[in-house]
Amino acid sequence: MPRLFPPIVLLALLVACVPAPPVLSPVPLSPPPTFEDAIAMAARRQVADDSVVVTGGRSLLLTHGARTARVFVLLHGFTDLPEQFAVVGQHLFDAGDNVYIPRLPRHGERHAPMRSLGRISAEELARFGDSSITIARGLGDSIIVVGLSAGGVVAASVAQSHADVRRAVLIAPAIAAGLLSDDQEQGLVVLASKLPDIRRTNAPLDTARSDYMQGITTHGLAQVLRLGQLVREASADQQPGVRDMYFLLNEADHTVSEQAALDVAQQWLDHGARVAVYRFPSSAKLQHNVMEIDARGGNVALVFPVIEALARGVAPANVPELPRSRCGGWRCALERALKP
């Protein structure tokens, strides 16, 4: 997800009416698809991908030819593609599990990619999360969802709604924008639904790196944040479907709001989920996209093992866990109501 620069801040200065929000309701359980049906559904999605996306941008599926004890669903970030999770996915697959890395809606299209991203909606992202879990149910017994940035918001939506998911790992989730108040954030989302999209492409598509698309779309970013708002609202009032959650934050990240992520973590904890929050220290000098390759300022030797450990439900040794205090009942509600 690109850094939220002044065009996003400008959006927060105006307010209008937003459309009625989708409701993040518990998804009723139904019989899972067979392994063969899940493979067929994933294959259809890949065929649809191939008709519109850049070379190498299709959804990725790694299977051992049958259901496995675990299946990992890995959700990439805004303006990225499934290739972002290819290395992590391969490591998880090599350990014996099936791995599904779907392309987020409207990402990586060959023609007018930023215009396409600008047409995305919160509802479409939520439905995409649901459909990805439907496929995963046929691929493995225990479903683990891992998402980065915009993918982290989709993973949060899944965590709120799906009791059939074993674990969710949210990496720098774009639940809210950094450096904006809640009122400014609401203004941003509202305005972007009414005014023409502001798009900027920083550079031509790098054909050597189809997973890396530089640019910004205010409509698209606002819809990601809109889904984040829905997650925050639902987590305050409803028990999450997933009972095992990990957050992986970045102290140096000001693109997204750490406090919004901590609020959701606390609310899920209050509703009885097991929640742990880890944070890369600012000394690591990581970007918002903590999975960025070394050549672009990342540190995969530090980051990838941490993500893989959390995906497997193992506490990482080289990043600190943040203490969370359980708060429940009327005292907790009053404390939140009085929070500035």
C-alpha atoms as a PDB file:
ATOM      1  CA  MET A   1       0.000   0.000   0.000  1.00  0.00           C
ATOM      2  CA  PRO A   2       1.527   3.356  -0.986  1.00  0.00           C
ATOM      3  CA  ARG A   3       2.226   6.067   1.528  1.00  0.00           C
ATOM      4  CA  LEU A   4      -0.816   8.282   2.215  1.00  0.00           C
ATOM      5  CA  PHE A   5       0.510  11.616   0.998  1.00  0.00           C
ATOM      6  CA  PRO A   6      -1.143  15.074   0.827  1.00  0.00           C
ATOM      7  CA  PRO A   7      -3.876  14.099  -1.719  1.00  0.00           C
ATOM      8  CA  ILE A   8      -5.303  11.813   0.959  1.00  0.00           C
ATOM      9  CA  VAL A   9      -5.091  14.499   3.620  1.00  0.00           C
ATOM     10  CA  LEU A  10      -6.924  16.898   1.301  1.00  0.00           C
ATOM     11  CA  LEU A  11      -9.790  14.453   1.048  1.00  0.00           C
ATOM     12  CA  ALA A  12     -10.295  14.647   4.782  1.00  0.00           C
ATOM     13  CA  LEU A  13     -11.116  18.347   4.607  1.00  0.00           C
ATOM     14  CA  LEU A  14     -14.539  17.866   2.990  1.00  0.00           C
ATOM     15  CA  VAL A  15     -17.540  15.814   4.097  1.00  0.00           C
ATOM     16  CA  ALA A  16     -20.594  14.430   2.266  1.00  0.00           C
ATOM     17  CA  CYS A  17     -22.963  11.497   2.607  1.00  0.00           C
ATOM     18  CA  VAL A  18     -21.664   7.947   2.400  1.00  0.00           C
ATOM     19  CA  PRO A  19     -23.583   5.018   0.982  1.00  0.00           C
ATOM     20  CA  ALA A  20     -25.096   2.550   3.415  1.00  0.00           C
ATOM     21  CA  PRO A  21     -22.241   0.356   4.671  1.00  0.00           C
ATOM     22  CA  PRO A  22     -22.154  -3.400   4.248  1.00  0.00           C
ATOM     23  CA  VAL A  23     -22.626  -5.395   7.419  1.00  0.00           C
ATOM     24  CA  LEU A  24     -19.893  -7.771   8.570  1.00  0.00           C
ATOM     25  CA  SER A  25     -22.167 -10.557   9.739  1.00  0.00           C
ATOM     26  CA  PRO A  26     -21.142 -14.062  10.799  1.00  0.00           C
ATOM     27  CA  VAL A  27     -20.931 -16.298   7.747  1.00  0.00           C
ATOM     28  CA  PRO A  28     -23.108 -19.410   8.240  1.00  0.00           C
ATOM     29  CA  LEU A  29     -21.233 -22.677   8.070  1.00  0.00           C
ATOM     30  CA  SER A  30     -22.028 -25.034   5.223  1.00  0.00           C
ATOM     31  CA  PRO A  31     -20.424 -28.254   4.021  1.00  0.00           C
ATOM     32  CA  PRO A  32     -16.964 -27.482   2.611  1.00  0.00           C
ATOM     33  CA  PRO A  33     -16.296 -28.101  -1.080  1.00  0.00           C
ATOM     34  CA  THR A  34     -14.399 -31.198  -2.039  1.00  0.00           C
ATOM     35  CA  PHE A  35     -10.716 -30.838  -2.784  1.00  0.00           C
ATOM     36  CA  GLU A  36     -11.471 -31.267  -6.493  1.00  0.00           C
ATOM     37  CA  ASP A  37     -14.151 -28.575  -6.399  1.00  0.00           C
ATOM     38  CA  ALA A  38     -11.819 -26.189  -4.572  1.00  0.00           C
ATOM     39  CA  ILE A  39      -9.113 -26.773  -7.190  1.00  0.00           C
ATOM     40  CA  ALA A  40     -11.638 -26.111  -9.946  1.00  0.00           C
ATOM     41  CA  MET A  41     -12.780 -22.866  -8.301  1.00  0.00           C
ATOM     42  CA  ALA A  42      -9.195 -21.673  -7.918  1.00  0.00           C
ATOM     43  CA  ALA A  43      -8.467 -22.619 -11.543  1.00  0.00           C
ATOM     44  CA  ARG A  44     -11.450 -20.579 -12.750  1.00  0.00           C
ATOM     45  CA  ARG A  45     -10.151 -17.604 -10.817  1.00  0.00           C
ATOM     46  CA  GLN A  46      -6.731 -18.034 -12.433  1.00  0.00           C
ATOM     47  CA  VAL A  47      -8.289 -18.150 -15.902  1.00  0.00           C
ATOM     48  CA  ALA A  48     -10.164 -14.923 -15.128  1.00  0.00           C
ATOM     49  CA  ASP A  49      -6.913 -13.407 -13.857  1.00  0.00           C
ATOM     50  CA  ASP A  50      -5.041 -14.331 -17.029  1.00  0.00           C
ATOM     51  CA  SER A  51      -7.601 -12.482 -19.141  1.00  0.00           C
ATOM     52  CA  VAL A  52      -6.833  -9.114 -17.530  1.00  0.00           C
ATOM     53  CA  VAL A  53      -3.631  -9.082 -15.464  1.00  0.00           C
ATOM     54  CA  VAL A  54       0.011  -8.502 -16.303  1.00  0.00           C
ATOM     55  CA  THR A  55       2.257 -11.468 -16.908  1.00  0.00           C
ATOM     56  CA  GLY A  56       2.951 -13.225 -13.614  1.00  0.00           C
ATOM     57  CA  GLY A  57       0.073 -11.491 -11.824  1.00  0.00           C
ATOM     58  CA  ARG A  58      -2.369 -14.393 -11.505  1.00  0.00           C
ATOM     59  CA  SER A  59      -3.482 -15.989  -8.243  1.00  0.00           C
ATOM     60  CA  LEU A  60      -1.071 -18.637  -6.975  1.00  0.00           C
ATOM     61  CA  LEU A  61      -2.030 -22.098  -5.743  1.00  0.00           C
ATOM     62  CA  LEU A  62       0.449 -24.569  -4.268  1.00  0.00           C
ATOM     63  CA  THR A  63      -0.996 -27.976  -3.392  1.00  0.00           C
ATOM     64  CA  HIS A  64       0.239 -31.433  -2.519  1.00  0.00           C
ATOM     65  CA  GLY A  65      -2.506 -33.081  -4.575  1.00  0.00           C
ATOM     66  CA  ALA A  66      -4.881 -33.589  -1.655  1.00  0.00           C
ATOM     67  CA  ARG A  67      -6.277 -31.840   1.408  1.00  0.00           C
ATOM     68  CA  THR A  68      -3.681 -31.063   4.034  1.00  0.00           C
ATOM     69  CA  ALA A  69      -3.940 -30.555   7.780  1.00  0.00           C
ATOM     70  CA  ARG A  70      -3.475 -26.811   7.251  1.00  0.00           C
ATOM     71  CA  VAL A  71      -4.057 -24.427   4.384  1.00  0.00           C
ATOM     72  CA  PHE A  72      -2.632 -20.931   4.315  1.00  0.00           C
ATOM     73  CA  VAL A  73      -4.445 -18.077   2.579  1.00  0.00           C
ATOM     74  CA  LEU A  74      -2.005 -15.210   1.969  1.00  0.00           C
ATOM     75  CA  LEU A  75      -3.426 -11.798   1.015  1.00  0.00           C
ATOM     76  CA  HIS A  76      -1.112  -9.239  -0.575  1.00  0.00           C
ATOM     77  CA  GLY A  77      -1.102  -5.466  -0.175  1.00  0.00           C
ATOM     78  CA  PHE A  78      -2.613  -2.598  -2.145  1.00  0.00           C
ATOM     79  CA  THR A  79      -1.107  -2.161  -5.664  1.00  0.00           C
ATOM     80  CA  ASP A  80       0.843  -5.398  -5.196  1.00  0.00           C
ATOM     81  CA  LEU A  81       0.163  -8.880  -6.526  1.00  0.00           C
ATOM     82  CA  PRO A  82       0.328 -12.482  -5.237  1.00  0.00           C
ATOM     83  CA  GLU A  83       4.047 -12.636  -6.081  1.00  0.00           C
ATOM     84  CA  GLN A  84       4.595 -10.505  -2.954  1.00  0.00           C
ATOM     85  CA  PHE A  85       3.915 -13.635  -0.857  1.00  0.00           C
ATOM     86  CA  ALA A  86       5.576 -16.146  -3.200  1.00  0.00           C
ATOM     87  CA  VAL A  87       8.671 -16.774  -1.059  1.00  0.00           C
ATOM     88  CA  VAL A  88       6.761 -17.041   2.227  1.00  0.00           C
ATOM     89  CA  GLY A  89       4.159 -19.202   0.514  1.00  0.00           C
ATOM     90  CA  GLN A  90       6.814 -21.540  -0.861  1.00  0.00           C
ATOM     91  CA  HIS A  91       8.355 -21.966   2.594  1.00  0.00           C
ATOM     92  CA  LEU A  92       4.957 -22.832   4.101  1.00  0.00           C
ATOM     93  CA  PHE A  93       4.266 -25.233   1.229  1.00  0.00           C
ATOM     94  CA  ASP A  94       7.656 -26.928   1.623  1.00  0.00           C
ATOM     95  CA  ALA A  95       6.696 -27.727   5.229  1.00  0.00           C
ATOM     96  CA  GLY A  96       3.778 -29.820   3.965  1.00  0.00           C
ATOM     97  CA  ASP A  97       0.776 -27.487   3.784  1.00  0.00           C
ATOM     98  CA  ASN A  98      -1.338 -26.252   0.895  1.00  0.00           C
ATOM     99  CA  VAL A  99      -1.054 -22.538   0.124  1.00  0.00           C
ATOM    100  CA  TYR A 100      -3.463 -20.237  -1.699  1.00  0.00           C
ATOM    101  CA  ILE A 101      -2.410 -16.687  -2.661  1.00  0.00           C
ATOM    102  CA  PRO A 102      -5.328 -15.050  -4.489  1.00  0.00           C
ATOM    103  CA  ARG A 103      -5.082 -11.796  -6.421  1.00  0.00           C
ATOM    104  CA  LEU A 104      -7.037  -9.005  -4.750  1.00  0.00           C
ATOM    105  CA  PRO A 105      -9.848  -7.615  -6.934  1.00  0.00           C
ATOM    106  CA  ARG A 106      -8.846  -5.218  -9.734  1.00  0.00           C
ATOM    107  CA  HIS A 107      -5.136  -5.464  -8.977  1.00  0.00           C
ATOM    108  CA  GLY A 108      -2.403  -5.685 -11.604  1.00  0.00           C
ATOM    109  CA  GLU A 109      -4.579  -5.199 -14.660  1.00  0.00           C
ATOM    110  CA  ARG A 110      -2.740  -4.616 -17.919  1.00  0.00           C
ATOM    111  CA  HIS A 111      -4.813  -1.670 -19.094  1.00  0.00           C
ATOM    112  CA  ALA A 112      -5.254   1.491 -16.989  1.00  0.00           C
ATOM    113  CA  PRO A 113      -4.280  -0.269 -13.747  1.00  0.00           C
ATOM    114  CA  MET A 114      -4.858   2.739 -11.474  1.00  0.00           C
ATOM    115  CA  ARG A 115      -8.247   3.457 -13.026  1.00  0.00           C
ATOM    116  CA  SER A 116      -9.232  -0.135 -12.374  1.00  0.00           C
ATOM    117  CA  LEU A 117      -8.049   0.043  -8.751  1.00  0.00           C
ATOM    118  CA  GLY A 118     -10.108   3.191  -8.338  1.00  0.00           C
ATOM    119  CA  ARG A 119     -13.271   1.187  -8.995  1.00  0.00           C
ATOM    120  CA  ILE A 120     -12.772  -1.202  -6.090  1.00  0.00           C
ATOM    121  CA  SER A 121     -15.273  -1.149  -3.217  1.00  0.00           C
ATOM    122  CA  ALA A 122     -15.334  -2.231   0.410  1.00  0.00           C
ATOM    123  CA  GLU A 123     -18.153  -4.654  -0.408  1.00  0.00           C
ATOM    124  CA  GLU A 124     -16.108  -6.233  -3.199  1.00  0.00           C
ATOM    125  CA  LEU A 125     -13.136  -6.691  -0.880  1.00  0.00           C
ATOM    126  CA  ALA A 126     -15.314  -8.306   1.804  1.00  0.00           C
ATOM    127  CA  ARG A 127     -16.904 -10.675  -0.750  1.00  0.00           C
ATOM    128  CA  PHE A 128     -13.453 -11.526  -2.073  1.00  0.00           C
ATOM    129  CA  GLY A 129     -12.388 -12.538   1.442  1.00  0.00           C
ATOM    130  CA  ASP A 130     -15.460 -14.748   1.795  1.00  0.00           C
ATOM    131  CA  SER A 131     -14.902 -16.458  -1.560  1.00  0.00           C
ATOM    132  CA  SER A 132     -11.230 -17.074  -0.788  1.00  0.00           C
ATOM    133  CA  ILE A 133     -12.216 -18.846   2.424  1.00  0.00           C
ATOM    134  CA  THR A 134     -14.744 -20.942   0.514  1.00  0.00           C
ATOM    135  CA  ILE A 135     -11.939 -22.219  -1.707  1.00  0.00           C
ATOM    136  CA  ALA A 136      -9.616 -22.731   1.282  1.00  0.00           C
ATOM    137  CA  ARG A 137     -12.196 -24.898   3.055  1.00  0.00           C
ATOM    138  CA  GLY A 138     -11.695 -27.508   0.363  1.00  0.00           C
ATOM    139  CA  LEU A 139      -7.906 -27.346   0.503  1.00  0.00           C
ATOM    140  CA  GLY A 140      -7.214 -28.057   4.163  1.00  0.00           C
ATOM    141  CA  ASP A 141      -8.648 -28.815   7.577  1.00  0.00           C
ATOM    142  CA  SER A 142      -7.396 -25.737   9.469  1.00  0.00           C
ATOM    143  CA  ILE A 143      -7.448 -22.407   7.645  1.00  0.00           C
ATOM    144  CA  ILE A 144      -4.855 -19.752   8.491  1.00  0.00           C
ATOM    145  CA  VAL A 145      -5.288 -16.308   6.894  1.00  0.00           C
ATOM    146  CA  VAL A 146      -2.358 -13.886   6.628  1.00  0.00           C
ATOM    147  CA  GLY A 147      -2.787 -10.400   5.180  1.00  0.00           C
ATOM    148  CA  LEU A 148      -0.598  -7.345   4.649  1.00  0.00           C
ATOM    149  CA  SER A 149      -1.945  -3.769   4.611  1.00  0.00           C
ATOM    150  CA  ALA A 150      -5.082  -3.860   2.423  1.00  0.00           C
ATOM    151  CA  GLY A 151      -4.829  -7.645   2.587  1.00  0.00           C
ATOM    152  CA  GLY A 152      -4.659  -7.233   6.359  1.00  0.00           C
ATOM    153  CA  VAL A 153      -8.001  -5.414   6.298  1.00  0.00           C
ATOM    154  CA  VAL A 154      -9.528  -8.238   4.246  1.00  0.00           C
ATOM    155  CA  ALA A 155      -8.039 -10.709   6.746  1.00  0.00           C
ATOM    156  CA  ALA A 156      -9.589  -8.661   9.569  1.00  0.00           C
ATOM    157  CA  SER A 157     -12.966  -8.804   7.835  1.00  0.00           C
ATOM    158  CA  VAL A 158     -12.573 -12.579   7.541  1.00  0.00           C
ATOM    159  CA  ALA A 159     -11.537 -12.804  11.207  1.00  0.00           C
ATOM    160  CA  GLN A 160     -14.643 -10.925  12.270  1.00  0.00           C
ATOM    161  CA  SER A 161     -17.028 -13.051  10.221  1.00  0.00           C
ATOM    162  CA  HIS A 162     -15.639 -16.580   9.789  1.00  0.00           C
ATOM    163  CA  ALA A 163     -15.737 -19.107  12.605  1.00  0.00           C
ATOM    164  CA  ASP A 164     -14.308 -21.689  10.183  1.00  0.00           C
ATOM    165  CA  VAL A 165     -10.889 -19.990  10.180  1.00  0.00           C
ATOM    166  CA  ARG A 166      -8.363 -21.206  12.748  1.00  0.00           C
ATOM    167  CA  ARG A 167      -5.989 -18.234  12.877  1.00  0.00           C
ATOM    168  CA  ALA A 168      -5.606 -14.741  11.405  1.00  0.00           C
ATOM    169  CA  VAL A 169      -2.359 -12.790  11.109  1.00  0.00           C
ATOM    170  CA  LEU A 170      -2.713  -9.081  10.354  1.00  0.00           C
ATOM    171  CA  ILE A 171       0.481  -7.367   9.148  1.00  0.00           C
ATOM    172  CA  ALA A 172       0.422  -3.550   9.238  1.00  0.00           C
ATOM    173  CA  PRO A 173      -3.336  -3.678   8.534  1.00  0.00           C
ATOM    174  CA  ALA A 174      -4.771  -0.586   6.835  1.00  0.00           C
ATOM    175  CA  ILE A 175      -7.641  -0.354   9.312  1.00  0.00           C
ATOM    176  CA  ALA A 176      -7.224   3.428   9.442  1.00  0.00           C
ATOM    177  CA  ALA A 177      -4.906   5.989   7.907  1.00  0.00           C
ATOM    178  CA  GLY A 178      -1.914   7.220   9.846  1.00  0.00           C
ATOM    179  CA  LEU A 179      -1.648  10.852  10.964  1.00  0.00           C
ATOM    180  CA  LEU A 180      -5.432  11.436  10.716  1.00  0.00           C
ATOM    181  CA  SER A 181      -8.038  11.727  13.456  1.00  0.00           C
ATOM    182  CA  ASP A 182     -11.143   9.537  13.318  1.00  0.00           C
ATOM    183  CA  ASP A 183     -13.195  12.531  12.106  1.00  0.00           C
ATOM    184  CA  GLN A 184     -10.691  13.294   9.361  1.00  0.00           C
ATOM    185  CA  GLU A 185     -10.680   9.642   8.375  1.00  0.00           C
ATOM    186  CA  GLN A 186     -14.462   9.656   8.084  1.00  0.00           C
ATOM    187  CA  GLY A 187     -14.245  12.764   5.928  1.00  0.00           C
ATOM    188  CA  LEU A 188     -11.698  11.071   3.721  1.00  0.00           C
ATOM    189  CA  VAL A 189     -13.872   8.032   3.109  1.00  0.00           C
ATOM    190  CA  VAL A 190     -17.014  10.079   2.571  1.00  0.00           C
ATOM    191  CA  LEU A 191     -15.491  12.555   0.178  1.00  0.00           C
ATOM    192  CA  ALA A 192     -13.715   9.985  -1.937  1.00  0.00           C
ATOM    193  CA  SER A 193     -17.046   8.286  -2.621  1.00  0.00           C
ATOM    194  CA  LYS A 194     -18.419  11.530  -4.094  1.00  0.00           C
ATOM    195  CA  LEU A 195     -15.619  13.343  -5.910  1.00  0.00           C
ATOM    196  CA  PRO A 196     -13.716  12.237  -9.012  1.00  0.00           C
ATOM    197  CA  ASP A 197     -10.876   9.848  -8.364  1.00  0.00           C
ATOM    198  CA  ILE A 198      -7.450  11.388  -7.922  1.00  0.00           C
ATOM    199  CA  ARG A 199      -4.950   9.077  -9.544  1.00  0.00           C
ATOM    200  CA  ARG A 200      -1.212   9.314  -9.844  1.00  0.00           C
ATOM    201  CA  THR A 201       1.197   6.886 -11.462  1.00  0.00           C
ATOM    202  CA  ASN A 202       4.712   7.442 -10.180  1.00  0.00           C
ATOM    203  CA  ALA A 203       6.410   5.366 -12.852  1.00  0.00           C
ATOM    204  CA  PRO A 204       5.635   3.044 -15.753  1.00  0.00           C
ATOM    205  CA  LEU A 205       4.919  -0.557 -14.842  1.00  0.00           C
ATOM    206  CA  ASP A 206       8.181  -2.377 -14.172  1.00  0.00           C
ATOM    207  CA  THR A 207       7.937  -5.411 -16.444  1.00  0.00           C
ATOM    208  CA  ALA A 208      10.743  -7.064 -14.485  1.00  0.00           C
ATOM    209  CA  ARG A 209       8.618  -6.802 -11.339  1.00  0.00           C
ATOM    210  CA  SER A 210       4.969  -7.316 -12.183  1.00  0.00           C
ATOM    211  CA  ASP A 211       4.135  -7.346  -8.467  1.00  0.00           C
ATOM    212  CA  TYR A 212       5.322  -3.759  -8.020  1.00  0.00           C
ATOM    213  CA  MET A 213       3.024  -0.986  -9.273  1.00  0.00           C
ATOM    214  CA  GLN A 214       3.754   2.552  -8.129  1.00  0.00           C
ATOM    215  CA  GLY A 215       0.890   4.997  -7.847  1.00  0.00           C
ATOM    216  CA  ILE A 216      -2.128   6.152  -5.921  1.00  0.00           C
ATOM    217  CA  THR A 217      -5.903   6.182  -6.309  1.00  0.00           C
ATOM    218  CA  THR A 218      -7.952   8.058  -3.755  1.00  0.00           C
ATOM    219  CA  HIS A 219     -11.125   6.075  -4.478  1.00  0.00           C
ATOM    220  CA  GLY A 220      -9.346   2.768  -4.029  1.00  0.00           C
ATOM    221  CA  LEU A 221      -7.527   3.754  -0.849  1.00  0.00           C
ATOM    222  CA  ALA A 222     -10.680   5.202   0.671  1.00  0.00           C
ATOM    223  CA  GLN A 223     -12.574   1.960   0.060  1.00  0.00           C
ATOM    224  CA  VAL A 224      -9.849  -0.026   1.819  1.00  0.00           C
ATOM    225  CA  LEU A 225     -10.172   2.354   4.787  1.00  0.00           C
ATOM    226  CA  ARG A 226     -13.958   2.084   4.621  1.00  0.00           C
ATOM    227  CA  LEU A 227     -13.701  -1.668   5.114  1.00  0.00           C
ATOM    228  CA  GLY A 228     -11.343  -0.952   8.002  1.00  0.00           C
ATOM    229  CA  GLN A 229     -13.996   1.282   9.588  1.00  0.00           C
ATOM    230  CA  LEU A 230     -16.538  -1.514   9.295  1.00  0.00           C
ATOM    231  CA  VAL A 231     -14.164  -3.926  11.017  1.00  0.00           C
ATOM    232  CA  ARG A 232     -13.611  -1.442  13.872  1.00  0.00           C
ATOM    233  CA  GLU A 233     -17.346  -0.971  14.342  1.00  0.00           C
ATOM    234  CA  ALA A 234     -18.121  -4.689  14.221  1.00  0.00           C
ATOM    235  CA  SER A 235     -15.270  -5.603  16.575  1.00  0.00           C
ATOM    236  CA  ALA A 236     -16.628  -3.211  19.201  1.00  0.00           C
ATOM    237  CA  ASP A 237     -20.005  -4.937  19.399  1.00  0.00           C
ATOM    238  CA  GLN A 238     -19.622  -8.484  18.136  1.00  0.00           C
ATOM    239  CA  GLN A 239     -17.576 -11.513  19.031  1.00  0.00           C
ATOM    240  CA  PRO A 240     -15.130 -12.357  16.241  1.00  0.00           C
ATOM    241  CA  GLY A 241     -15.435 -15.595  14.343  1.00  0.00           C
ATOM    242  CA  VAL A 242     -11.708 -16.355  14.568  1.00  0.00           C
ATOM    243  CA  ARG A 243     -10.475 -17.055  18.093  1.00  0.00           C
ATOM    244  CA  ASP A 244      -6.707 -16.891  17.509  1.00  0.00           C
ATOM    245  CA  MET A 245      -5.273 -13.567  16.270  1.00  0.00           C
ATOM    246  CA  TYR A 246      -1.830 -12.110  15.704  1.00  0.00           C
ATOM    247  CA  PHE A 247      -1.015  -8.517  14.828  1.00  0.00           C
ATOM    248  CA  LEU A 248       2.387  -7.602  13.390  1.00  0.00           C
ATOM    249  CA  LEU A 249       2.967  -3.842  13.475  1.00  0.00           C
ATOM    250  CA  ASN A 250       5.861  -1.556  12.551  1.00  0.00           C
ATOM    251  CA  GLU A 251       6.906   1.241  14.891  1.00  0.00           C
ATOM    252  CA  ALA A 252       8.328   3.249  11.963  1.00  0.00           C
ATOM    253  CA  ASP A 253       5.092   3.022   9.949  1.00  0.00           C
ATOM    254  CA  HIS A 254       3.025   6.215   9.755  1.00  0.00           C
ATOM    255  CA  THR A 255       1.081   5.231   6.644  1.00  0.00           C
ATOM    256  CA  VAL A 256      -1.524   3.350   8.680  1.00  0.00           C
ATOM    257  CA  SER A 257      -2.751   3.909  12.216  1.00  0.00           C
ATOM    258  CA  GLU A 258      -1.171   1.682  14.830  1.00  0.00           C
ATOM    259  CA  GLN A 259      -3.736   2.855  17.378  1.00  0.00           C
ATOM    260  CA  ALA A 260      -6.629   1.693  15.215  1.00  0.00           C
ATOM    261  CA  ALA A 261      -5.042  -1.764  14.996  1.00  0.00           C
ATOM    262  CA  LEU A 262      -4.503  -1.820  18.764  1.00  0.00           C
ATOM    263  CA  ASP A 263      -8.137  -0.806  19.326  1.00  0.00           C
ATOM    264  CA  VAL A 264      -9.373  -3.708  17.224  1.00  0.00           C
ATOM    265  CA  ALA A 265      -6.944  -6.061  18.973  1.00  0.00           C
ATOM    266  CA  GLN A 266      -8.229  -4.920  22.361  1.00  0.00           C
ATOM    267  CA  GLN A 267     -11.864  -5.257  21.337  1.00  0.00           C
ATOM    268  CA  TRP A 268     -11.319  -8.778  20.063  1.00  0.00           C
ATOM    269  CA  LEU A 269      -9.498  -9.605  23.286  1.00  0.00           C
ATOM    270  CA  ASP A 270     -12.413  -8.212  25.291  1.00  0.00           C
ATOM    271  CA  HIS A 271     -14.739 -10.532  23.387  1.00  0.00           C
ATOM    272  CA  GLY A 272     -12.716 -13.579  24.411  1.00  0.00           C
ATOM    273  CA  ALA A 273     -10.358 -14.130  21.488  1.00  0.00           C
ATOM    274  CA  ARG A 274      -6.696 -14.967  22.000  1.00  0.00           C
ATOM    275  CA  VAL A 275      -4.820 -11.927  20.685  1.00  0.00           C
ATOM    276  CA  ALA A 276      -1.091 -11.195  20.584  1.00  0.00           C
ATOM    277  CA  VAL A 277       0.496  -8.050  19.165  1.00  0.00           C
ATOM    278  CA  TYR A 278       4.098  -7.881  17.968  1.00  0.00           C
ATOM    279  CA  ARG A 279       5.957  -4.860  16.654  1.00  0.00           C
ATOM    280  CA  PHE A 280       9.081  -4.356  14.586  1.00  0.00           C
ATOM    281  CA  PRO A 281      11.102  -1.614  16.326  1.00  0.00           C
ATOM    282  CA  SER A 282      11.813   1.660  14.537  1.00  0.00           C
ATOM    283  CA  SER A 283      15.502   0.703  14.594  1.00  0.00           C
ATOM    284  CA  ALA A 284      14.708  -1.907  11.920  1.00  0.00           C
ATOM    285  CA  LYS A 285      13.947   1.005   9.541  1.00  0.00           C
ATOM    286  CA  LEU A 286      11.214  -0.875   7.721  1.00  0.00           C
ATOM    287  CA  GLN A 287       8.744   0.674   5.289  1.00  0.00           C
ATOM    288  CA  HIS A 288       4.988   0.298   5.532  1.00  0.00           C
ATOM    289  CA  ASN A 289       5.360  -2.627   3.164  1.00  0.00           C
ATOM    290  CA  VAL A 290       7.459  -4.659   5.567  1.00  0.00           C
ATOM    291  CA  MET A 291       7.724  -7.397   2.918  1.00  0.00           C
ATOM    292  CA  GLU A 292       9.590  -5.157   0.488  1.00  0.00           C
ATOM    293  CA  ILE A 293      12.644  -6.776  -1.079  1.00  0.00           C
ATOM    294  CA  ASP A 294      16.121  -5.762   0.037  1.00  0.00           C
ATOM    295  CA  ALA A 295      16.829  -3.958  -3.250  1.00  0.00           C
ATOM    296  CA  ARG A 296      14.001  -1.543  -2.448  1.00  0.00           C
ATOM    297  CA  GLY A 297      14.932  -0.949   1.175  1.00  0.00           C
ATOM    298  CA  GLY A 298      13.439  -4.035   2.805  1.00  0.00           C
ATOM    299  CA  ASN A 299      14.906  -6.675   5.093  1.00  0.00           C
ATOM    300  CA  VAL A 300      13.489 -10.050   4.145  1.00  0.00           C
ATOM    301  CA  ALA A 301      15.932 -11.938   6.388  1.00  0.00           C
ATOM    302  CA  LEU A 302      14.311 -10.244   9.375  1.00  0.00           C
ATOM    303  CA  VAL A 303      10.708 -10.063   8.219  1.00  0.00           C
ATOM    304  CA  PHE A 304       9.915 -13.313   6.431  1.00  0.00           C
ATOM    305  CA  PRO A 305      10.828 -15.673   9.316  1.00  0.00           C
ATOM    306  CA  VAL A 306       8.649 -13.614  11.681  1.00  0.00           C
ATOM    307  CA  ILE A 307       5.653 -13.824   9.343  1.00  0.00           C
ATOM    308  CA  GLU A 308       6.143 -17.552   8.840  1.00  0.00           C
ATOM    309  CA  ALA A 309       6.389 -18.131  12.603  1.00  0.00           C
ATOM    310  CA  LEU A 310       3.170 -16.238  13.305  1.00  0.00           C
ATOM    311  CA  ALA A 311       1.400 -18.048  10.473  1.00  0.00           C
ATOM    312  CA  ARG A 312       2.322 -21.309  12.187  1.00  0.00           C
ATOM    313  CA  GLY A 313       1.224 -19.976  15.589  1.00  0.00           C
ATOM    314  CA  VAL A 314       4.743 -19.682  16.988  1.00  0.00           C
ATOM    315  CA  ALA A 315       5.936 -16.624  18.903  1.00  0.00           C
ATOM    316  CA  PRO A 316       8.844 -15.025  16.999  1.00  0.00           C
ATOM    317  CA  ALA A 317      12.073 -14.595  18.925  1.00  0.00           C
ATOM    318  CA  ASN A 318      13.354 -11.368  17.398  1.00  0.00           C
ATOM    319  CA  VAL A 319      10.437  -8.927  17.730  1.00  0.00           C
ATOM    320  CA  PRO A 320       8.829  -7.865  21.022  1.00  0.00           C
ATOM    321  CA  GLU A 321       5.261  -8.653  22.014  1.00  0.00           C
ATOM    322  CA  LEU A 322       3.272  -5.664  23.211  1.00  0.00           C
ATOM    323  CA  PRO A 323       1.375  -6.137  26.489  1.00  0.00           C
ATOM    324  CA  ARG A 324      -2.410  -6.059  26.175  1.00  0.00           C
ATOM    325  CA  SER A 325      -4.675  -5.530  29.180  1.00  0.00           C
ATOM    326  CA  ARG A 326      -7.971  -7.343  29.222  1.00  0.00           C
ATOM    327  CA  CYS A 327     -10.860  -4.954  29.717  1.00  0.00           C
ATOM    328  CA  GLY A 328     -14.498  -5.973  29.846  1.00  0.00           C
ATOM    329  CA  GLY A 329     -17.947  -5.002  31.043  1.00  0.00           C
ATOM    330  CA  TRP A 330     -19.303  -1.533  31.744  1.00  0.00           C
ATOM    331  CA  ARG A 331     -15.959  -0.189  32.987  1.00  0.00           C
ATOM    332  CA  CYS A 332     -14.372  -0.986  29.653  1.00  0.00           C
ATOM    333  CA  ALA A 333     -17.283   0.566  27.740  1.00  0.00           C
ATOM    334  CA  LEU A 334     -17.036   3.717  29.857  1.00  0.00           C
ATOM    335  CA  GLU A 335     -13.276   3.888  29.372  1.00  0.00           C
ATOM    336  CA  ARG A 336     -13.682   3.722  25.594  1.00  0.00           C
ATOM    337  CA  ALA A 337     -16.481   6.301  25.619  1.00  0.00           C
ATOM    338  CA  LEU A 338     -14.271   8.765  27.508  1.00  0.00           C
ATOM    339  CA  LYS A 339     -11.191   8.150  25.378  1.00  0.00           C
ATOM    340  CA  PRO A 340     -10.207  11.400  23.618  1.00  0.00           C
END
